[in-house]
């Protein structure tokens, strides 16, 4: 089993801040999954910042749908 937890942000803020925030989001979900009994070695957390939006927006425009975490199980 391989589980990838990917955090994302909207385009508000700097690239550096958004990379850090997206990774924090992914790590929080990873920790929750571990608490619920999923083996830690199955889980990988990554942050994509603002690079893969669901909804295209101008820079510095807030978009709640882009602030998310995706979980892919393989």
PDB file of N, CA and C in Angstrom:
ATOM      1  N   UNK A   1       0.845  -1.182   0.000  1.00  0.00           N
ATOM      2  CA  UNK A   1       0.000   0.000   0.000  1.00  0.00           C
ATOM      3  C   UNK A   1       0.886   1.240   0.000  1.00  0.00           C
ATOM      4  N   UNK A   2       0.505   2.210  -0.806  1.00  0.00           N
ATOM      5  CA  UNK A   2       1.199   3.498  -0.860  1.00  0.00           C
ATOM      6  C   UNK A   2       0.136   4.588  -0.814  1.00  0.00           C
ATOM      7  N   UNK A   3       0.275   5.510   0.118  1.00  0.00           N
ATOM      8  CA  UNK A   3      -0.685   6.606   0.270  1.00  0.00           C
ATOM      9  C   UNK A   3       0.080   7.917   0.184  1.00  0.00           C
ATOM     10  N   UNK A   4      -0.310   8.723  -0.782  1.00  0.00           N
ATOM     11  CA  UNK A   4       0.306  10.040  -0.950  1.00  0.00           C
ATOM     12  C   UNK A   4      -0.682  11.105  -0.496  1.00  0.00           C
ATOM     13  N   UNK A   5      -0.244  11.934   0.439  1.00  0.00           N
ATOM     14  CA  UNK A   5      -1.055  13.022   0.986  1.00  0.00           C
ATOM     15  C   UNK A   5      -0.430  14.320   0.477  1.00  0.00           C
ATOM     16  N   UNK A   6      -1.187  15.060  -0.356  1.00  0.00           N
ATOM     17  CA  UNK A   6      -0.656  16.252  -1.004  1.00  0.00           C
ATOM     18  C   UNK A   6      -1.414  17.492  -0.563  1.00  0.00           C
ATOM     19  N   UNK A   7      -0.703  18.456  -0.005  1.00  0.00           N
ATOM     20  CA  UNK A   7      -1.308  19.714   0.413  1.00  0.00           C
ATOM     21  C   UNK A   7      -1.185  20.773  -0.673  1.00  0.00           C
ATOM     22  N   UNK A   8      -2.190  21.644  -0.737  1.00  0.00           N
ATOM     23  CA  UNK A   8      -2.240  22.725  -1.720  1.00  0.00           C
ATOM     24  C   UNK A   8      -2.667  24.023  -1.039  1.00  0.00           C
ATOM     25  N   UNK A   9      -2.389  25.151  -1.694  1.00  0.00           N
ATOM     26  CA  UNK A   9      -2.823  26.463  -1.213  1.00  0.00           C
ATOM     27  C   UNK A   9      -3.428  27.248  -2.367  1.00  0.00           C
ATOM     28  N   UNK A  10      -4.035  28.384  -2.023  1.00  0.00           N
ATOM     29  CA  UNK A  10      -4.454  29.315  -3.075  1.00  0.00           C
ATOM     30  C   UNK A  10      -3.264  30.207  -3.412  1.00  0.00           C
ATOM     31  N   UNK A  11      -3.471  31.261  -4.174  1.00  0.00           N
ATOM     32  CA  UNK A  11      -2.368  32.087  -4.662  1.00  0.00           C
ATOM     33  C   UNK A  11      -2.077  33.298  -3.781  1.00  0.00           C
ATOM     34  N   UNK A  12      -2.649  33.352  -2.601  1.00  0.00           N
ATOM     35  CA  UNK A  12      -2.387  34.447  -1.669  1.00  0.00           C
ATOM     36  C   UNK A  12      -1.118  34.136  -0.884  1.00  0.00           C
ATOM     37  N   UNK A  13      -0.176  35.062  -0.859  1.00  0.00           N
ATOM     38  CA  UNK A  13       1.065  34.868  -0.116  1.00  0.00           C
ATOM     39  C   UNK A  13       2.223  34.525  -1.028  1.00  0.00           C
ATOM     40  N   UNK A  14       3.395  34.432  -0.424  1.00  0.00           N
ATOM     41  CA  UNK A  14       4.611  34.148  -1.195  1.00  0.00           C
ATOM     42  C   UNK A  14       4.701  32.656  -1.524  1.00  0.00           C
ATOM     43  N   UNK A  15       5.492  32.339  -2.529  1.00  0.00           N
ATOM     44  CA  UNK A  15       5.709  30.937  -2.895  1.00  0.00           C
ATOM     45  C   UNK A  15       6.291  30.151  -1.722  1.00  0.00           C
ATOM     46  N   UNK A  16       7.246  30.747  -1.028  1.00  0.00           N
ATOM     47  CA  UNK A  16       7.878  30.084   0.112  1.00  0.00           C
ATOM     48  C   UNK A  16       6.868  29.790   1.209  1.00  0.00           C
ATOM     49  N   UNK A  17       6.056  30.786   1.555  1.00  0.00           N
ATOM     50  CA  UNK A  17       5.035  30.584   2.589  1.00  0.00           C
ATOM     51  C   UNK A  17       4.015  29.536   2.161  1.00  0.00           C
ATOM     52  N   UNK A  18       3.605  29.574   0.895  1.00  0.00           N
ATOM     53  CA  UNK A  18       2.611  28.611   0.425  1.00  0.00           C
ATOM     54  C   UNK A  18       3.177  27.195   0.365  1.00  0.00           C
ATOM     55  N   UNK A  19       4.439  27.043   0.016  1.00  0.00           N
ATOM     56  CA  UNK A  19       5.056  25.717   0.042  1.00  0.00           C
ATOM     57  C   UNK A  19       5.061  25.165   1.461  1.00  0.00           C
ATOM     58  N   UNK A  20       5.433  26.005   2.412  1.00  0.00           N
ATOM     59  CA  UNK A  20       5.472  25.575   3.816  1.00  0.00           C
ATOM     60  C   UNK A  20       4.062  25.241   4.316  1.00  0.00           C
ATOM     61  N   UNK A  21       3.095  26.097   4.024  1.00  0.00           N
ATOM     62  CA  UNK A  21       1.720  25.875   4.470  1.00  0.00           C
ATOM     63  C   UNK A  21       1.131  24.604   3.857  1.00  0.00           C
ATOM     64  N   UNK A  22       1.373  24.383   2.580  1.00  0.00           N
ATOM     65  CA  UNK A  22       0.820  23.189   1.942  1.00  0.00           C
ATOM     66  C   UNK A  22       1.411  21.915   2.552  1.00  0.00           C
ATOM     67  N   UNK A  23       2.695  21.925   2.871  1.00  0.00           N
ATOM     68  CA  UNK A  23       3.312  20.770   3.517  1.00  0.00           C
ATOM     69  C   UNK A  23       2.749  20.574   4.925  1.00  0.00           C
ATOM     70  N   UNK A  24       2.531  21.664   5.657  1.00  0.00           N
ATOM     71  CA  UNK A  24       1.929  21.553   6.990  1.00  0.00           C
ATOM     72  C   UNK A  24       0.543  20.926   6.911  1.00  0.00           C
ATOM     73  N   UNK A  25      -0.241  21.312   5.926  1.00  0.00           N
ATOM     74  CA  UNK A  25      -1.568  20.727   5.741  1.00  0.00           C
ATOM     75  C   UNK A  25      -1.464  19.225   5.488  1.00  0.00           C
ATOM     76  N   UNK A  26      -0.573  18.844   4.596  1.00  0.00           N
ATOM     77  CA  UNK A  26      -0.399  17.427   4.272  1.00  0.00           C
ATOM     78  C   UNK A  26       0.068  16.642   5.494  1.00  0.00           C
ATOM     79  N   UNK A  27       1.003  17.193   6.247  1.00  0.00           N
ATOM     80  CA  UNK A  27       1.507  16.505   7.432  1.00  0.00           C
ATOM     81  C   UNK A  27       0.433  16.364   8.502  1.00  0.00           C
ATOM     82  N   UNK A  28      -0.459  17.348   8.625  1.00  0.00           N
ATOM     83  CA  UNK A  28      -1.557  17.252   9.593  1.00  0.00           C
ATOM     84  C   UNK A  28      -2.503  16.107   9.227  1.00  0.00           C
ATOM     85  N   UNK A  29      -2.818  15.972   7.953  1.00  0.00           N
ATOM     86  CA  UNK A  29      -3.687  14.873   7.520  1.00  0.00           C
ATOM     87  C   UNK A  29      -2.963  13.543   7.682  1.00  0.00           C
ATOM     88  N   UNK A  30      -1.673  13.495   7.366  1.00  0.00           N
ATOM     89  CA  UNK A  30      -0.890  12.268   7.562  1.00  0.00           C
ATOM     90  C   UNK A  30      -0.935  11.838   9.028  1.00  0.00           C
ATOM     91  N   UNK A  31      -0.736  12.785   9.943  1.00  0.00           N
ATOM     92  CA  UNK A  31      -0.780  12.479  11.378  1.00  0.00           C
ATOM     93  C   UNK A  31      -2.153  11.956  11.793  1.00  0.00           C
ATOM     94  N   UNK A  32      -3.211  12.538  11.252  1.00  0.00           N
ATOM     95  CA  UNK A  32      -4.564  12.083  11.567  1.00  0.00           C
ATOM     96  C   UNK A  32      -4.763  10.641  11.092  1.00  0.00           C
ATOM     97  N   UNK A  33      -4.266  10.318   9.903  1.00  0.00           N
ATOM     98  CA  UNK A  33      -4.408   8.959   9.379  1.00  0.00           C
ATOM     99  C   UNK A  33      -3.627   7.958  10.229  1.00  0.00           C
ATOM    100  N   UNK A  34      -2.456   8.355  10.685  1.00  0.00           N
ATOM    101  CA  UNK A  34      -1.667   7.491  11.571  1.00  0.00           C
ATOM    102  C   UNK A  34      -2.416   7.260  12.879  1.00  0.00           C
ATOM    103  N   UNK A  35      -3.007   8.320  13.436  1.00  0.00           N
ATOM    104  CA  UNK A  35      -3.806   8.187  14.670  1.00  0.00           C
ATOM    105  C   UNK A  35      -4.958   7.211  14.485  1.00  0.00           C
ATOM    106  N   UNK A  36      -5.477   7.131  13.287  1.00  0.00           N
ATOM    107  CA  UNK A  36      -6.599   6.248  12.997  1.00  0.00           C
ATOM    108  C   UNK A  36      -6.160   4.840  12.620  1.00  0.00           C
ATOM    109  N   UNK A  37      -4.853   4.563  12.726  1.00  0.00           N
ATOM    110  CA  UNK A  37      -4.376   3.198  12.585  1.00  0.00           C
ATOM    111  C   UNK A  37      -3.688   2.843  11.282  1.00  0.00           C
ATOM    112  N   UNK A  38      -3.500   3.797  10.392  1.00  0.00           N
ATOM    113  CA  UNK A  38      -2.786   3.494   9.148  1.00  0.00           C
ATOM    114  C   UNK A  38      -1.292   3.520   9.433  1.00  0.00           C
ATOM    115  N   UNK A  39      -0.605   2.519   8.942  1.00  0.00           N
ATOM    116  CA  UNK A  39       0.825   2.373   9.182  1.00  0.00           C
ATOM    117  C   UNK A  39       1.590   3.556   8.587  1.00  0.00           C
ATOM    118  N   UNK A  40       2.434   4.164   9.395  1.00  0.00           N
ATOM    119  CA  UNK A  40       3.165   5.367   8.984  1.00  0.00           C
ATOM    120  C   UNK A  40       4.016   5.141   7.732  1.00  0.00           C
ATOM    121  N   UNK A  41       4.570   3.964   7.578  1.00  0.00           N
ATOM    122  CA  UNK A  41       5.438   3.701   6.426  1.00  0.00           C
ATOM    123  C   UNK A  41       4.675   3.686   5.102  1.00  0.00           C
ATOM    124  N   UNK A  42       3.356   3.581   5.153  1.00  0.00           N
ATOM    125  CA  UNK A  42       2.526   3.621   3.948  1.00  0.00           C
ATOM    126  C   UNK A  42       2.298   5.052   3.458  1.00  0.00           C
ATOM    127  N   UNK A  43       2.526   6.032   4.325  1.00  0.00           N
ATOM    128  CA  UNK A  43       2.123   7.414   4.065  1.00  0.00           C
ATOM    129  C   UNK A  43       3.295   8.307   3.681  1.00  0.00           C
ATOM    130  N   UNK A  44       3.075   9.146   2.680  1.00  0.00           N
ATOM    131  CA  UNK A  44       4.057  10.151   2.272  1.00  0.00           C
ATOM    132  C   UNK A  44       3.333  11.486   2.138  1.00  0.00           C
ATOM    133  N   UNK A  45       3.819  12.500   2.825  1.00  0.00           N
ATOM    134  CA  UNK A  45       3.223  13.838   2.767  1.00  0.00           C
ATOM    135  C   UNK A  45       4.085  14.747   1.906  1.00  0.00           C
ATOM    136  N   UNK A  46       3.428  15.479   1.001  1.00  0.00           N
ATOM    137  CA  UNK A  46       4.130  16.436   0.150  1.00  0.00           C
ATOM    138  C   UNK A  46       3.313  17.717   0.050  1.00  0.00           C
ATOM    139  N   UNK A  47       3.988  18.815  -0.185  1.00  0.00           N
ATOM    140  CA  UNK A  47       3.325  20.099  -0.381  1.00  0.00           C
ATOM    141  C   UNK A  47       3.563  20.604  -1.794  1.00  0.00           C
ATOM    142  N   UNK A  48       2.521  21.071  -2.446  1.00  0.00           N
ATOM    143  CA  UNK A  48       2.632  21.590  -3.809  1.00  0.00           C
ATOM    144  C   UNK A  48       2.415  23.102  -3.872  1.00  0.00           C
ATOM    145  N   UNK A  49       2.168  23.725  -2.733  1.00  0.00           N
ATOM    146  CA  UNK A  49       1.976  25.172  -2.731  1.00  0.00           C
ATOM    147  C   UNK A  49       0.815  25.570  -3.617  1.00  0.00           C
ATOM    148  N   UNK A  50       1.042  26.568  -4.452  1.00  0.00           N
ATOM    149  CA  UNK A  50      -0.015  27.084  -5.330  1.00  0.00           C
ATOM    150  C   UNK A  50       0.134  26.588  -6.769  1.00  0.00           C
ATOM    151  N   UNK A  51       0.988  25.579  -6.992  1.00  0.00           N
ATOM    152  CA  UNK A  51       1.314  25.134  -8.351  1.00  0.00           C
ATOM    153  C   UNK A  51       0.243  24.321  -9.057  1.00  0.00           C
ATOM    154  N   UNK A  52      -0.696  23.708  -8.347  1.00  0.00           N
ATOM    155  CA  UNK A  52      -1.702  22.847  -8.985  1.00  0.00           C
ATOM    156  C   UNK A  52      -3.115  23.251  -8.526  1.00  0.00           C
ATOM    157  N   UNK A  53      -3.571  24.426  -8.927  1.00  0.00           N
ATOM    158  CA  UNK A  53      -4.892  24.888  -8.469  1.00  0.00           C
ATOM    159  C   UNK A  53      -6.036  24.101  -9.115  1.00  0.00           C
ATOM    160  N   UNK A  54      -7.122  23.964  -8.381  1.00  0.00           N
ATOM    161  CA  UNK A  54      -8.356  23.441  -8.967  1.00  0.00           C
ATOM    162  C   UNK A  54      -9.019  24.517  -9.809  1.00  0.00           C
ATOM    163  N   UNK A  55      -8.933  25.767  -9.326  1.00  0.00           N
ATOM    164  CA  UNK A  55      -9.563  26.913  -9.986  1.00  0.00           C
ATOM    165  C   UNK A  55      -8.469  27.934 -10.290  1.00  0.00           C
ATOM    166  N   UNK A  56      -8.309  28.276 -11.556  1.00  0.00           N
ATOM    167  CA  UNK A  56      -7.304  29.283 -11.929  1.00  0.00           C
ATOM    168  C   UNK A  56      -7.755  30.660 -11.444  1.00  0.00           C
ATOM    169  N   UNK A  57      -6.814  31.378 -10.842  1.00  0.00           N
ATOM    170  CA  UNK A  57      -7.094  32.736 -10.360  1.00  0.00           C
ATOM    171  C   UNK A  57      -5.881  33.614 -10.628  1.00  0.00           C
ATOM    172  N   UNK A  58      -6.095  34.902 -10.505  1.00  0.00           N
ATOM    173  CA  UNK A  58      -4.985  35.847 -10.553  1.00  0.00           C
ATOM    174  C   UNK A  58      -4.165  35.713  -9.276  1.00  0.00           C
ATOM    175  N   UNK A  59      -2.918  36.141  -9.329  1.00  0.00           N
ATOM    176  CA  UNK A  59      -2.064  36.123  -8.150  1.00  0.00           C
ATOM    177  C   UNK A  59      -2.690  36.989  -7.056  1.00  0.00           C
ATOM    178  N   UNK A  60      -2.578  36.517  -5.827  1.00  0.00           N
ATOM    179  CA  UNK A  60      -3.088  37.183  -4.623  1.00  0.00           C
ATOM    180  C   UNK A  60      -4.615  37.163  -4.512  1.00  0.00           C
ATOM    181  N   UNK A  61      -5.296  36.426  -5.346  1.00  0.00           N
ATOM    182  CA  UNK A  61      -6.759  36.299  -5.224  1.00  0.00           C
ATOM    183  C   UNK A  61      -7.088  35.053  -4.411  1.00  0.00           C
ATOM    184  N   UNK A  62      -7.812  35.197  -3.300  1.00  0.00           N
ATOM    185  CA  UNK A  62      -8.169  34.036  -2.500  1.00  0.00           C
ATOM    186  C   UNK A  62      -9.154  33.125  -3.245  1.00  0.00           C
ATOM    187  N   UNK A  63      -8.977  31.824  -3.063  1.00  0.00           N
ATOM    188  CA  UNK A  63      -9.908  30.847  -3.637  1.00  0.00           C
ATOM    189  C   UNK A  63      -9.943  29.632  -2.713  1.00  0.00           C
ATOM    190  N   UNK A  64     -10.996  29.512  -1.899  1.00  0.00           N
ATOM    191  CA  UNK A  64     -11.079  28.430  -0.914  1.00  0.00           C
ATOM    192  C   UNK A  64     -10.948  27.027  -1.510  1.00  0.00           C
ATOM    193  N   UNK A  65     -11.406  26.817  -2.726  1.00  0.00           N
ATOM    194  CA  UNK A  65     -11.336  25.472  -3.317  1.00  0.00           C
ATOM    195  C   UNK A  65      -9.905  25.041  -3.626  1.00  0.00           C
ATOM    196  N   UNK A  66      -8.997  25.988  -3.697  1.00  0.00           N
ATOM    197  CA  UNK A  66      -7.589  25.641  -3.924  1.00  0.00           C
ATOM    198  C   UNK A  66      -6.858  25.302  -2.633  1.00  0.00           C
ATOM    199  N   UNK A  67      -7.435  25.633  -1.492  1.00  0.00           N
ATOM    200  CA  UNK A  67      -6.844  25.313  -0.192  1.00  0.00           C
ATOM    201  C   UNK A  67      -7.365  23.944   0.216  1.00  0.00           C
ATOM    202  N   UNK A  68      -6.569  22.904  -0.063  1.00  0.00           N
ATOM    203  CA  UNK A  68      -7.081  21.550   0.114  1.00  0.00           C
ATOM    204  C   UNK A  68      -5.939  20.565   0.342  1.00  0.00           C
ATOM    205  N   UNK A  69      -6.332  19.329   0.714  1.00  0.00           N
ATOM    206  CA  UNK A  69      -5.415  18.212   0.795  1.00  0.00           C
ATOM    207  C   UNK A  69      -6.026  17.057   0.013  1.00  0.00           C
ATOM    208  N   UNK A  70      -5.230  16.456  -0.847  1.00  0.00           N
ATOM    209  CA  UNK A  70      -5.668  15.292  -1.621  1.00  0.00           C
ATOM    210  C   UNK A  70      -4.992  14.053  -1.053  1.00  0.00           C
ATOM    211  N   UNK A  71      -5.732  12.953  -0.985  1.00  0.00           N
ATOM    212  CA  UNK A  71      -5.193  11.680  -0.518  1.00  0.00           C
ATOM    213  C   UNK A  71      -5.373  10.662  -1.639  1.00  0.00           C
ATOM    214  N   UNK A  72      -4.262  10.118  -2.122  1.00  0.00           N
ATOM    215  CA  UNK A  72      -4.275   9.135  -3.201  1.00  0.00           C
ATOM    216  C   UNK A  72      -3.764   7.808  -2.622  1.00  0.00           C
ATOM    217  N   UNK A  73      -4.577   6.768  -2.759  1.00  0.00           N
ATOM    218  CA  UNK A  73      -4.215   5.432  -2.264  1.00  0.00           C
ATOM    219  C   UNK A  73      -3.921   4.535  -3.454  1.00  0.00           C
ATOM    220  N   UNK A  74      -2.800   3.866  -3.428  1.00  0.00           N
ATOM    221  CA  UNK A  74      -2.431   2.918  -4.498  1.00  0.00           C
ATOM    222  C   UNK A  74      -2.066   1.586  -3.912  1.00  0.00           C
TER     223      UNK A  74
END
